[in-house]
Amino acid sequence: MIPVSLKKIANITNGYLYGKNIIINNISSNSKEIKSKTLFITLKGKKFDGYIFIQEAIKNGCTAIITDRKIKFCVSYIIVEDTLIALRKISFWLRKKINPKILAITGSCGKTSVKEMTVSIIKKYYDNTIYTINNFNNHIGVPITLLKLKKADKYGVIELGSNKPGEIKYNSKIVEPNIVLINNIYHSHLEGFKSLLGVSKEKSEILSYLKKNSIIIINLDSHHLSQWIKKIQNKKILYFSIEKKKKVIFSLLILNYLHTKHLLLCIHQMVK
């Protein structure tokens, strides 16, 4: 992350600053992972509330807090209406400020493997690349990944996962990808999407907030591809397929490691 003042963060998040306007270098939602000049953000969910870890975060050396209510500790803090929305606003501000070229990857399966191989290839040429670590591909993990952006970063590889409608569109808005890869559409998380059509609609939401002159890479074997027609009109599209080899422009086998590697080399050339 780039150094930023608490006053600036308060402006970005529509929050109110209490205490000194100091410079912070990091933002963390994990009270155990506090570095020098770190701002601790108290995220809240159905089964957790970061507010109860404020004392631990201060003990571990955090220099400021973002929370949704007042605190009783001698440390600067910013009060916001919703800490998750605040996290997203900061992440989006960083994405716009640094403006790296970002490849966003989604699909029913294989997206993590494709992401890892893509990163390994790009980092051979450009070490200044951020990417999704482990399974940080949800509504919390994606903005946390973007928080790692540094001034020198030129590229990003972001994995977008989902288990219920709306998650991918929610994250695509802050990622604003330059390149999108929809790896495949299969029966997964049907408890959230109800049907294969529901899965297809959700994955296609990655196309909602594309950067200008973006590139879309699509698996022609995907189910309900016709549902995407309006979203991909007038876009530069590259196709790949296993079953429809004669109809594709980009005919490489994603499920085969060697062919996948070639696919990602081509993606790298597009990024370059």
C-alpha atoms as a PDB file:
ATOM      1  CA  MET A   1       0.000   0.000   0.000  1.00  0.00           C
ATOM      2  CA  ILE A   2       1.094   3.579  -0.546  1.00  0.00           C
ATOM      3  CA  PRO A   3       1.447   5.931   2.470  1.00  0.00           C
ATOM      4  CA  VAL A   4      -1.758   7.871   3.086  1.00  0.00           C
ATOM      5  CA  SER A   5      -3.028  10.170   5.821  1.00  0.00           C
ATOM      6  CA  LEU A   6      -5.959   9.371   8.087  1.00  0.00           C
ATOM      7  CA  LYS A   7      -7.622  12.574   6.911  1.00  0.00           C
ATOM      8  CA  LYS A   8      -7.484  11.319   3.333  1.00  0.00           C
ATOM      9  CA  ILE A   9      -8.892   7.942   4.367  1.00  0.00           C
ATOM     10  CA  ALA A  10     -11.706   9.680   6.240  1.00  0.00           C
ATOM     11  CA  ASN A  11     -12.529  11.618   3.060  1.00  0.00           C
ATOM     12  CA  ILE A  12     -12.452   8.465   0.925  1.00  0.00           C
ATOM     13  CA  THR A  13     -14.743   6.573   3.294  1.00  0.00           C
ATOM     14  CA  ASN A  14     -17.037   9.471   4.268  1.00  0.00           C
ATOM     15  CA  GLY A  15     -15.901   8.864   7.823  1.00  0.00           C
ATOM     16  CA  TYR A  16     -15.110  11.113  10.794  1.00  0.00           C
ATOM     17  CA  LEU A  17     -11.578  11.289  12.170  1.00  0.00           C
ATOM     18  CA  TYR A  18     -10.969  11.408  15.907  1.00  0.00           C
ATOM     19  CA  GLY A  19      -7.419  12.156  17.047  1.00  0.00           C
ATOM     20  CA  LYS A  20      -4.245  13.041  15.182  1.00  0.00           C
ATOM     21  CA  ASN A  21      -3.975  13.021  11.412  1.00  0.00           C
ATOM     22  CA  ILE A  22      -1.101  10.564  11.035  1.00  0.00           C
ATOM     23  CA  ILE A  23       0.303   8.722   8.008  1.00  0.00           C
ATOM     24  CA  ILE A  24      -0.330   5.000   7.719  1.00  0.00           C
ATOM     25  CA  ASN A  25       1.447   2.493   5.462  1.00  0.00           C
ATOM     26  CA  ASN A  26      -0.742  -0.588   5.861  1.00  0.00           C
ATOM     27  CA  ILE A  27      -4.341  -1.606   6.500  1.00  0.00           C
ATOM     28  CA  SER A  28      -5.183  -4.934   8.122  1.00  0.00           C
ATOM     29  CA  SER A  29      -8.344  -6.695   9.294  1.00  0.00           C
ATOM     30  CA  ASN A  30      -6.290  -9.241  11.250  1.00  0.00           C
ATOM     31  CA  SER A  31      -5.294  -8.027  14.715  1.00  0.00           C
ATOM     32  CA  LYS A  32      -2.459 -10.573  14.767  1.00  0.00           C
ATOM     33  CA  GLU A  33      -0.871  -9.294  11.543  1.00  0.00           C
ATOM     34  CA  ILE A  34       0.050  -5.756  12.542  1.00  0.00           C
ATOM     35  CA  LYS A  35       3.053  -4.047  10.976  1.00  0.00           C
ATOM     36  CA  SER A  36       4.540  -0.602  11.508  1.00  0.00           C
ATOM     37  CA  LYS A  37       2.094   2.273  10.871  1.00  0.00           C
ATOM     38  CA  THR A  38      -0.860  -0.080  10.379  1.00  0.00           C
ATOM     39  CA  LEU A  39      -4.525   0.899  10.370  1.00  0.00           C
ATOM     40  CA  PHE A  40      -6.708  -1.854  11.850  1.00  0.00           C
ATOM     41  CA  ILE A  41     -10.168  -2.132  10.284  1.00  0.00           C
ATOM     42  CA  THR A  42     -12.885  -3.827  12.339  1.00  0.00           C
ATOM     43  CA  LEU A  43     -14.818  -5.869   9.794  1.00  0.00           C
ATOM     44  CA  LYS A  44     -18.080  -7.416  10.907  1.00  0.00           C
ATOM     45  CA  GLY A  45     -19.995 -10.462   9.680  1.00  0.00           C
ATOM     46  CA  LYS A  46     -22.670 -12.881  10.794  1.00  0.00           C
ATOM     47  CA  LYS A  47     -20.267 -14.809  13.021  1.00  0.00           C
ATOM     48  CA  PHE A  48     -17.535 -12.275  13.825  1.00  0.00           C
ATOM     49  CA  ASP A  49     -16.988  -8.670  14.894  1.00  0.00           C
ATOM     50  CA  GLY A  50     -13.537  -7.156  14.572  1.00  0.00           C
ATOM     51  CA  TYR A  51     -14.442  -4.542  17.164  1.00  0.00           C
ATOM     52  CA  ILE A  52     -13.687  -6.992  19.980  1.00  0.00           C
ATOM     53  CA  PHE A  53     -10.090  -7.290  18.749  1.00  0.00           C
ATOM     54  CA  ILE A  54      -9.247  -3.587  18.934  1.00  0.00           C
ATOM     55  CA  GLN A  55      -7.360  -3.948  22.211  1.00  0.00           C
ATOM     56  CA  GLU A  56      -5.303  -6.820  20.803  1.00  0.00           C
ATOM     57  CA  ALA A  57      -4.529  -4.818  17.655  1.00  0.00           C
ATOM     58  CA  ILE A  58      -3.333  -1.850  19.727  1.00  0.00           C
ATOM     59  CA  LYS A  59      -1.251  -4.157  21.883  1.00  0.00           C
ATOM     60  CA  ASN A  60       0.381  -5.525  18.740  1.00  0.00           C
ATOM     61  CA  GLY A  61       1.284  -2.025  17.582  1.00  0.00           C
ATOM     62  CA  CYS A  62      -1.443  -0.653  15.313  1.00  0.00           C
ATOM     63  CA  THR A  63      -1.427   3.146  15.078  1.00  0.00           C
ATOM     64  CA  ALA A  64      -5.049   3.807  14.076  1.00  0.00           C
ATOM     65  CA  ILE A  65      -8.474   2.167  13.814  1.00  0.00           C
ATOM     66  CA  ILE A  66     -11.440   2.197  11.431  1.00  0.00           C
ATOM     67  CA  THR A  67     -14.640   1.189  13.177  1.00  0.00           C
ATOM     68  CA  ASP A  68     -18.383   1.787  13.162  1.00  0.00           C
ATOM     69  CA  ARG A  69     -18.617   3.056  16.755  1.00  0.00           C
ATOM     70  CA  LYS A  70     -16.595   5.048  19.270  1.00  0.00           C
ATOM     71  CA  ILE A  71     -13.685   3.479  21.140  1.00  0.00           C
ATOM     72  CA  LYS A  72     -12.126   4.203  24.528  1.00  0.00           C
ATOM     73  CA  PHE A  73      -8.445   3.806  23.685  1.00  0.00           C
ATOM     74  CA  CYS A  74      -5.793   6.494  23.226  1.00  0.00           C
ATOM     75  CA  VAL A  75      -5.343   6.026  19.495  1.00  0.00           C
ATOM     76  CA  SER A  76      -6.543   7.891  16.409  1.00  0.00           C
ATOM     77  CA  TYR A  77      -9.603   6.351  14.812  1.00  0.00           C
ATOM     78  CA  ILE A  78     -12.117   6.873  12.025  1.00  0.00           C
ATOM     79  CA  ILE A  79     -15.811   6.134  12.461  1.00  0.00           C
ATOM     80  CA  VAL A  80     -17.688   4.981   9.350  1.00  0.00           C
ATOM     81  CA  GLU A  81     -21.211   3.723   8.805  1.00  0.00           C
ATOM     82  CA  ASP A  82     -20.089   0.326   7.471  1.00  0.00           C
ATOM     83  CA  THR A  83     -16.495  -0.928   7.725  1.00  0.00           C
ATOM     84  CA  LEU A  84     -16.795  -3.355   4.789  1.00  0.00           C
ATOM     85  CA  ILE A  85     -18.006  -0.563   2.522  1.00  0.00           C
ATOM     86  CA  ALA A  86     -15.127   1.569   3.830  1.00  0.00           C
ATOM     87  CA  LEU A  87     -12.682  -1.222   2.956  1.00  0.00           C
ATOM     88  CA  ARG A  88     -14.085  -1.385  -0.574  1.00  0.00           C
ATOM     89  CA  LYS A  89     -13.862   2.395  -1.013  1.00  0.00           C
ATOM     90  CA  ILE A  90     -10.213   2.440   0.026  1.00  0.00           C
ATOM     91  CA  SER A  91      -9.409  -0.507  -2.247  1.00  0.00           C
ATOM     92  CA  PHE A  92     -11.149   1.112  -5.204  1.00  0.00           C
ATOM     93  CA  TRP A  93      -9.325   4.392  -4.565  1.00  0.00           C
ATOM     94  CA  LEU A  94      -6.000   2.528  -4.603  1.00  0.00           C
ATOM     95  CA  ARG A  95      -6.925   0.664  -7.783  1.00  0.00           C
ATOM     96  CA  LYS A  96      -7.701   3.994  -9.511  1.00  0.00           C
ATOM     97  CA  LYS A  97      -4.680   5.779  -8.035  1.00  0.00           C
ATOM     98  CA  ILE A  98      -2.088   3.185  -9.054  1.00  0.00           C
ATOM     99  CA  ASN A  99      -3.969   1.948 -12.136  1.00  0.00           C
ATOM    100  CA  PRO A 100      -2.284  -1.405 -12.850  1.00  0.00           C
ATOM    101  CA  LYS A 101      -3.442  -3.632 -15.697  1.00  0.00           C
ATOM    102  CA  ILE A 102      -5.569  -6.329 -14.098  1.00  0.00           C
ATOM    103  CA  LEU A 103      -6.538  -9.761 -15.352  1.00  0.00           C
ATOM    104  CA  ALA A 104      -9.645 -11.055 -13.562  1.00  0.00           C
ATOM    105  CA  ILE A 105     -10.352 -14.788 -13.588  1.00  0.00           C
ATOM    106  CA  THR A 106     -13.566 -16.604 -12.775  1.00  0.00           C
ATOM    107  CA  GLY A 107     -15.201 -19.951 -13.538  1.00  0.00           C
ATOM    108  CA  SER A 108     -16.806 -22.921 -11.892  1.00  0.00           C
ATOM    109  CA  CYS A 109     -13.532 -24.800 -11.493  1.00  0.00           C
ATOM    110  CA  GLY A 110      -9.830 -24.499 -12.268  1.00  0.00           C
ATOM    111  CA  LYS A 111      -9.633 -20.732 -11.722  1.00  0.00           C
ATOM    112  CA  THR A 112      -7.096 -21.005  -8.892  1.00  0.00           C
ATOM    113  CA  SER A 113      -4.788 -23.216 -10.973  1.00  0.00           C
ATOM    114  CA  VAL A 114      -5.040 -20.835 -13.932  1.00  0.00           C
ATOM    115  CA  LYS A 115      -4.391 -17.900 -11.610  1.00  0.00           C
ATOM    116  CA  GLU A 116      -1.285 -19.519 -10.124  1.00  0.00           C
ATOM    117  CA  MET A 117       0.156 -20.357 -13.532  1.00  0.00           C
ATOM    118  CA  THR A 118      -0.609 -16.880 -14.857  1.00  0.00           C
ATOM    119  CA  VAL A 119       1.147 -15.271 -11.897  1.00  0.00           C
ATOM    120  CA  SER A 120       4.196 -17.520 -12.241  1.00  0.00           C
ATOM    121  CA  ILE A 121       4.574 -16.519 -15.881  1.00  0.00           C
ATOM    122  CA  ILE A 122       4.038 -12.786 -15.433  1.00  0.00           C
ATOM    123  CA  LYS A 123       6.386 -12.602 -12.430  1.00  0.00           C
ATOM    124  CA  LYS A 124       9.221 -13.987 -14.552  1.00  0.00           C
ATOM    125  CA  TYR A 125       9.099 -10.715 -16.429  1.00  0.00           C
ATOM    126  CA  TYR A 126       7.518  -8.289 -13.965  1.00  0.00           C
ATOM    127  CA  ASP A 127       8.015  -8.850 -10.264  1.00  0.00           C
ATOM    128  CA  ASN A 128       5.777  -5.894  -9.392  1.00  0.00           C
ATOM    129  CA  THR A 129       2.538  -7.858  -9.631  1.00  0.00           C
ATOM    130  CA  ILE A 130      -0.198  -8.344  -7.043  1.00  0.00           C
ATOM    131  CA  TYR A 131      -2.378 -11.441  -7.038  1.00  0.00           C
ATOM    132  CA  THR A 132      -4.972 -13.336  -5.061  1.00  0.00           C
ATOM    133  CA  ILE A 133      -3.444 -15.482  -2.319  1.00  0.00           C
ATOM    134  CA  ASN A 134      -5.061 -18.759  -1.261  1.00  0.00           C
ATOM    135  CA  ASN A 135      -8.860 -18.456  -1.503  1.00  0.00           C
ATOM    136  CA  PHE A 136      -9.136 -14.691  -0.949  1.00  0.00           C
ATOM    137  CA  ASN A 137     -11.602 -14.398  -3.834  1.00  0.00           C
ATOM    138  CA  ASN A 138     -14.791 -13.274  -2.077  1.00  0.00           C
ATOM    139  CA  HIS A 139     -16.322  -9.917  -1.072  1.00  0.00           C
ATOM    140  CA  ILE A 140     -13.718  -9.496   1.677  1.00  0.00           C
ATOM    141  CA  GLY A 141     -10.706 -11.179   0.091  1.00  0.00           C
ATOM    142  CA  VAL A 142     -10.780  -9.193  -3.160  1.00  0.00           C
ATOM    143  CA  PRO A 143     -10.592  -5.696  -1.580  1.00  0.00           C
ATOM    144  CA  ILE A 144      -7.979  -6.951   0.899  1.00  0.00           C
ATOM    145  CA  THR A 145      -5.891  -8.139  -2.071  1.00  0.00           C
ATOM    146  CA  LEU A 146      -6.181  -4.714  -3.721  1.00  0.00           C
ATOM    147  CA  LEU A 147      -4.946  -3.095  -0.509  1.00  0.00           C
ATOM    148  CA  LYS A 148      -1.544  -4.644  -1.268  1.00  0.00           C
ATOM    149  CA  LEU A 149      -1.136  -2.401  -4.302  1.00  0.00           C
ATOM    150  CA  LYS A 150       2.091  -0.397  -4.250  1.00  0.00           C
ATOM    151  CA  LYS A 151       3.146   2.485  -6.463  1.00  0.00           C
ATOM    152  CA  ALA A 152       5.501   0.237  -8.436  1.00  0.00           C
ATOM    153  CA  ASP A 153       2.876  -2.412  -9.223  1.00  0.00           C
ATOM    154  CA  LYS A 154       2.093  -2.646 -12.929  1.00  0.00           C
ATOM    155  CA  TYR A 155      -0.055  -5.778 -13.077  1.00  0.00           C
ATOM    156  CA  GLY A 156      -2.583  -7.702 -11.040  1.00  0.00           C
ATOM    157  CA  VAL A 157      -4.132 -11.171 -11.311  1.00  0.00           C
ATOM    158  CA  ILE A 158      -7.359 -11.300  -9.321  1.00  0.00           C
ATOM    159  CA  GLU A 159      -9.509 -14.380  -8.832  1.00  0.00           C
ATOM    160  CA  LEU A 160     -13.249 -13.772  -8.408  1.00  0.00           C
ATOM    161  CA  GLY A 161     -15.291 -16.483  -6.735  1.00  0.00           C
ATOM    162  CA  SER A 162     -18.936 -16.622  -5.759  1.00  0.00           C
ATOM    163  CA  ASN A 163     -21.448 -18.851  -4.018  1.00  0.00           C
ATOM    164  CA  LYS A 164     -24.507 -16.616  -4.298  1.00  0.00           C
ATOM    165  CA  PRO A 165     -25.884 -14.124  -6.845  1.00  0.00           C
ATOM    166  CA  GLY A 166     -24.332 -10.674  -6.919  1.00  0.00           C
ATOM    167  CA  GLU A 167     -20.877 -11.406  -5.488  1.00  0.00           C
ATOM    168  CA  ILE A 168     -18.945 -11.264  -8.751  1.00  0.00           C
ATOM    169  CA  LYS A 169     -20.613  -8.033  -9.894  1.00  0.00           C
ATOM    170  CA  TYR A 170     -19.966  -6.620  -6.420  1.00  0.00           C
ATOM    171  CA  ASN A 171     -16.234  -7.295  -6.737  1.00  0.00           C
ATOM    172  CA  SER A 172     -15.894  -6.500 -10.438  1.00  0.00           C
ATOM    173  CA  LYS A 173     -16.907  -2.939  -9.646  1.00  0.00           C
ATOM    174  CA  ILE A 174     -13.755  -2.312  -7.595  1.00  0.00           C
ATOM    175  CA  VAL A 175     -11.438  -4.477  -9.705  1.00  0.00           C
ATOM    176  CA  GLU A 176     -12.316  -2.888 -13.092  1.00  0.00           C
ATOM    177  CA  PRO A 177     -10.404  -5.537 -15.066  1.00  0.00           C
ATOM    178  CA  ASN A 178      -8.516  -4.888 -18.298  1.00  0.00           C
ATOM    179  CA  ILE A 179      -8.655  -8.571 -19.241  1.00  0.00           C
ATOM    180  CA  VAL A 180     -11.279 -11.110 -18.220  1.00  0.00           C
ATOM    181  CA  LEU A 181     -11.059 -14.891 -18.408  1.00  0.00           C
ATOM    182  CA  ILE A 182     -14.172 -17.017 -17.833  1.00  0.00           C
ATOM    183  CA  ASN A 183     -12.643 -20.445 -17.475  1.00  0.00           C
ATOM    184  CA  ASN A 184     -15.792 -22.582 -17.605  1.00  0.00           C
ATOM    185  CA  ILE A 185     -19.389 -22.953 -16.437  1.00  0.00           C
ATOM    186  CA  TYR A 186     -20.305 -26.162 -14.618  1.00  0.00           C
ATOM    187  CA  HIS A 187     -22.634 -27.365 -11.884  1.00  0.00           C
ATOM    188  CA  SER A 188     -21.236 -25.753  -8.726  1.00  0.00           C
ATOM    189  CA  HIS A 189     -22.764 -23.935  -5.726  1.00  0.00           C
ATOM    190  CA  LEU A 190     -26.222 -24.822  -7.023  1.00  0.00           C
ATOM    191  CA  GLU A 191     -27.617 -24.260  -3.538  1.00  0.00           C
ATOM    192  CA  GLY A 192     -26.965 -20.561  -4.105  1.00  0.00           C
ATOM    193  CA  PHE A 193     -27.646 -20.276  -7.835  1.00  0.00           C
ATOM    194  CA  LYS A 194     -30.484 -22.832  -8.132  1.00  0.00           C
ATOM    195  CA  SER A 195     -29.557 -23.878 -11.679  1.00  0.00           C
ATOM    196  CA  LEU A 196     -26.791 -23.985 -14.266  1.00  0.00           C
ATOM    197  CA  LEU A 197     -28.344 -20.907 -15.868  1.00  0.00           C
ATOM    198  CA  GLY A 198     -27.993 -19.141 -12.523  1.00  0.00           C
ATOM    199  CA  VAL A 199     -24.292 -20.084 -12.431  1.00  0.00           C
ATOM    200  CA  SER A 200     -23.814 -18.788 -15.965  1.00  0.00           C
ATOM    201  CA  LYS A 201     -25.512 -15.472 -15.204  1.00  0.00           C
ATOM    202  CA  GLU A 202     -23.383 -14.982 -12.098  1.00  0.00           C
ATOM    203  CA  LYS A 203     -20.069 -15.683 -13.849  1.00  0.00           C
ATOM    204  CA  SER A 204     -21.003 -13.323 -16.685  1.00  0.00           C
ATOM    205  CA  GLU A 205     -21.225 -10.469 -14.168  1.00  0.00           C
ATOM    206  CA  ILE A 206     -17.439 -10.240 -14.381  1.00  0.00           C
ATOM    207  CA  LEU A 207     -18.130  -8.409 -17.658  1.00  0.00           C
ATOM    208  CA  SER A 208     -20.040  -5.614 -15.914  1.00  0.00           C
ATOM    209  CA  TYR A 209     -17.223  -3.154 -15.171  1.00  0.00           C
ATOM    210  CA  LEU A 210     -14.587  -3.679 -17.820  1.00  0.00           C
ATOM    211  CA  LYS A 211     -11.949  -1.061 -18.508  1.00  0.00           C
ATOM    212  CA  LYS A 212     -11.931   0.660 -21.887  1.00  0.00           C
ATOM    213  CA  ASN A 213     -10.353  -1.428 -24.680  1.00  0.00           C
ATOM    214  CA  SER A 214     -10.638  -4.549 -22.561  1.00  0.00           C
ATOM    215  CA  ILE A 215     -10.148  -8.127 -23.725  1.00  0.00           C
ATOM    216  CA  ILE A 216     -12.500 -11.012 -22.949  1.00  0.00           C
ATOM    217  CA  ILE A 217     -11.395 -14.656 -23.056  1.00  0.00           C
ATOM    218  CA  ILE A 218     -14.279 -17.133 -23.180  1.00  0.00           C
ATOM    219  CA  ASN A 219     -14.605 -20.902 -23.154  1.00  0.00           C
ATOM    220  CA  LEU A 220     -16.962 -21.726 -26.049  1.00  0.00           C
ATOM    221  CA  ASP A 221     -17.940 -24.943 -24.294  1.00  0.00           C
ATOM    222  CA  SER A 222     -19.601 -22.932 -21.506  1.00  0.00           C
ATOM    223  CA  HIS A 223     -23.294 -23.521 -20.897  1.00  0.00           C
ATOM    224  CA  HIS A 224     -25.813 -20.750 -21.697  1.00  0.00           C
ATOM    225  CA  LEU A 225     -23.230 -18.713 -23.587  1.00  0.00           C
ATOM    226  CA  SER A 226     -26.069 -17.030 -25.497  1.00  0.00           C
ATOM    227  CA  GLN A 227     -27.010 -15.232 -22.278  1.00  0.00           C
ATOM    228  CA  TRP A 228     -23.801 -13.191 -22.533  1.00  0.00           C
ATOM    229  CA  ILE A 229     -24.363 -11.772 -26.025  1.00  0.00           C
ATOM    230  CA  LYS A 230     -25.413  -8.257 -24.938  1.00  0.00           C
ATOM    231  CA  LYS A 231     -22.512  -7.956 -22.514  1.00  0.00           C
ATOM    232  CA  ILE A 232     -19.830  -8.920 -25.035  1.00  0.00           C
ATOM    233  CA  GLN A 233     -21.024  -6.911 -28.032  1.00  0.00           C
ATOM    234  CA  ASN A 234     -18.372  -4.616 -29.516  1.00  0.00           C
ATOM    235  CA  LYS A 235     -15.667  -6.163 -27.320  1.00  0.00           C
ATOM    236  CA  LYS A 236     -12.420  -7.812 -28.315  1.00  0.00           C
ATOM    237  CA  ILE A 237     -13.005 -11.510 -27.643  1.00  0.00           C
ATOM    238  CA  LEU A 238     -10.691 -14.511 -27.746  1.00  0.00           C
ATOM    239  CA  TYR A 239     -12.177 -17.998 -27.612  1.00  0.00           C
ATOM    240  CA  PHE A 240     -10.905 -21.409 -26.602  1.00  0.00           C
ATOM    241  CA  SER A 241     -12.587 -24.794 -26.656  1.00  0.00           C
ATOM    242  CA  ILE A 242     -12.140 -28.524 -26.241  1.00  0.00           C
ATOM    243  CA  GLU A 243     -15.274 -29.657 -28.073  1.00  0.00           C
ATOM    244  CA  LYS A 244     -15.585 -26.899 -30.701  1.00  0.00           C
ATOM    245  CA  LYS A 245     -12.039 -26.646 -31.956  1.00  0.00           C
ATOM    246  CA  LYS A 246     -13.019 -25.723 -35.501  1.00  0.00           C
ATOM    247  CA  LYS A 247     -15.062 -22.731 -34.370  1.00  0.00           C
ATOM    248  CA  VAL A 248     -12.555 -21.011 -32.134  1.00  0.00           C
ATOM    249  CA  ILE A 249      -9.935 -18.372 -32.732  1.00  0.00           C
ATOM    250  CA  PHE A 250      -8.014 -19.261 -29.620  1.00  0.00           C
ATOM    251  CA  SER A 251      -7.952 -23.085 -29.777  1.00  0.00           C
ATOM    252  CA  LEU A 252      -5.974 -24.264 -26.767  1.00  0.00           C
ATOM    253  CA  LEU A 253      -6.905 -26.892 -24.183  1.00  0.00           C
ATOM    254  CA  ILE A 254      -7.304 -25.266 -20.744  1.00  0.00           C
ATOM    255  CA  LEU A 255      -7.638 -28.554 -18.930  1.00  0.00           C
ATOM    256  CA  ASN A 256      -4.303 -29.758 -20.251  1.00  0.00           C
ATOM    257  CA  TYR A 257      -1.376 -28.284 -18.328  1.00  0.00           C
ATOM    258  CA  LEU A 258       0.889 -27.736 -21.332  1.00  0.00           C
ATOM    259  CA  HIS A 259      -1.798 -26.091 -23.395  1.00  0.00           C
ATOM    260  CA  THR A 260      -2.873 -23.993 -20.451  1.00  0.00           C
ATOM    261  CA  LYS A 261       0.680 -22.728 -20.145  1.00  0.00           C
ATOM    262  CA  HIS A 262       0.565 -21.617 -23.787  1.00  0.00           C
ATOM    263  CA  LEU A 263      -2.745 -19.891 -23.185  1.00  0.00           C
ATOM    264  CA  LEU A 264      -1.293 -17.939 -20.297  1.00  0.00           C
ATOM    265  CA  LEU A 265       1.782 -16.965 -22.277  1.00  0.00           C
ATOM    266  CA  CYS A 266      -0.575 -15.403 -24.795  1.00  0.00           C
ATOM    267  CA  ILE A 267      -2.406 -13.620 -21.997  1.00  0.00           C
ATOM    268  CA  HIS A 268       0.947 -12.292 -20.818  1.00  0.00           C
ATOM    269  CA  GLN A 269       1.674 -10.938 -24.287  1.00  0.00           C
ATOM    270  CA  MET A 270      -1.674  -9.137 -24.266  1.00  0.00           C
ATOM    271  CA  VAL A 271      -0.887  -7.625 -20.878  1.00  0.00           C
ATOM    272  CA  LYS A 272       2.547  -6.618 -22.101  1.00  0.00           C
END
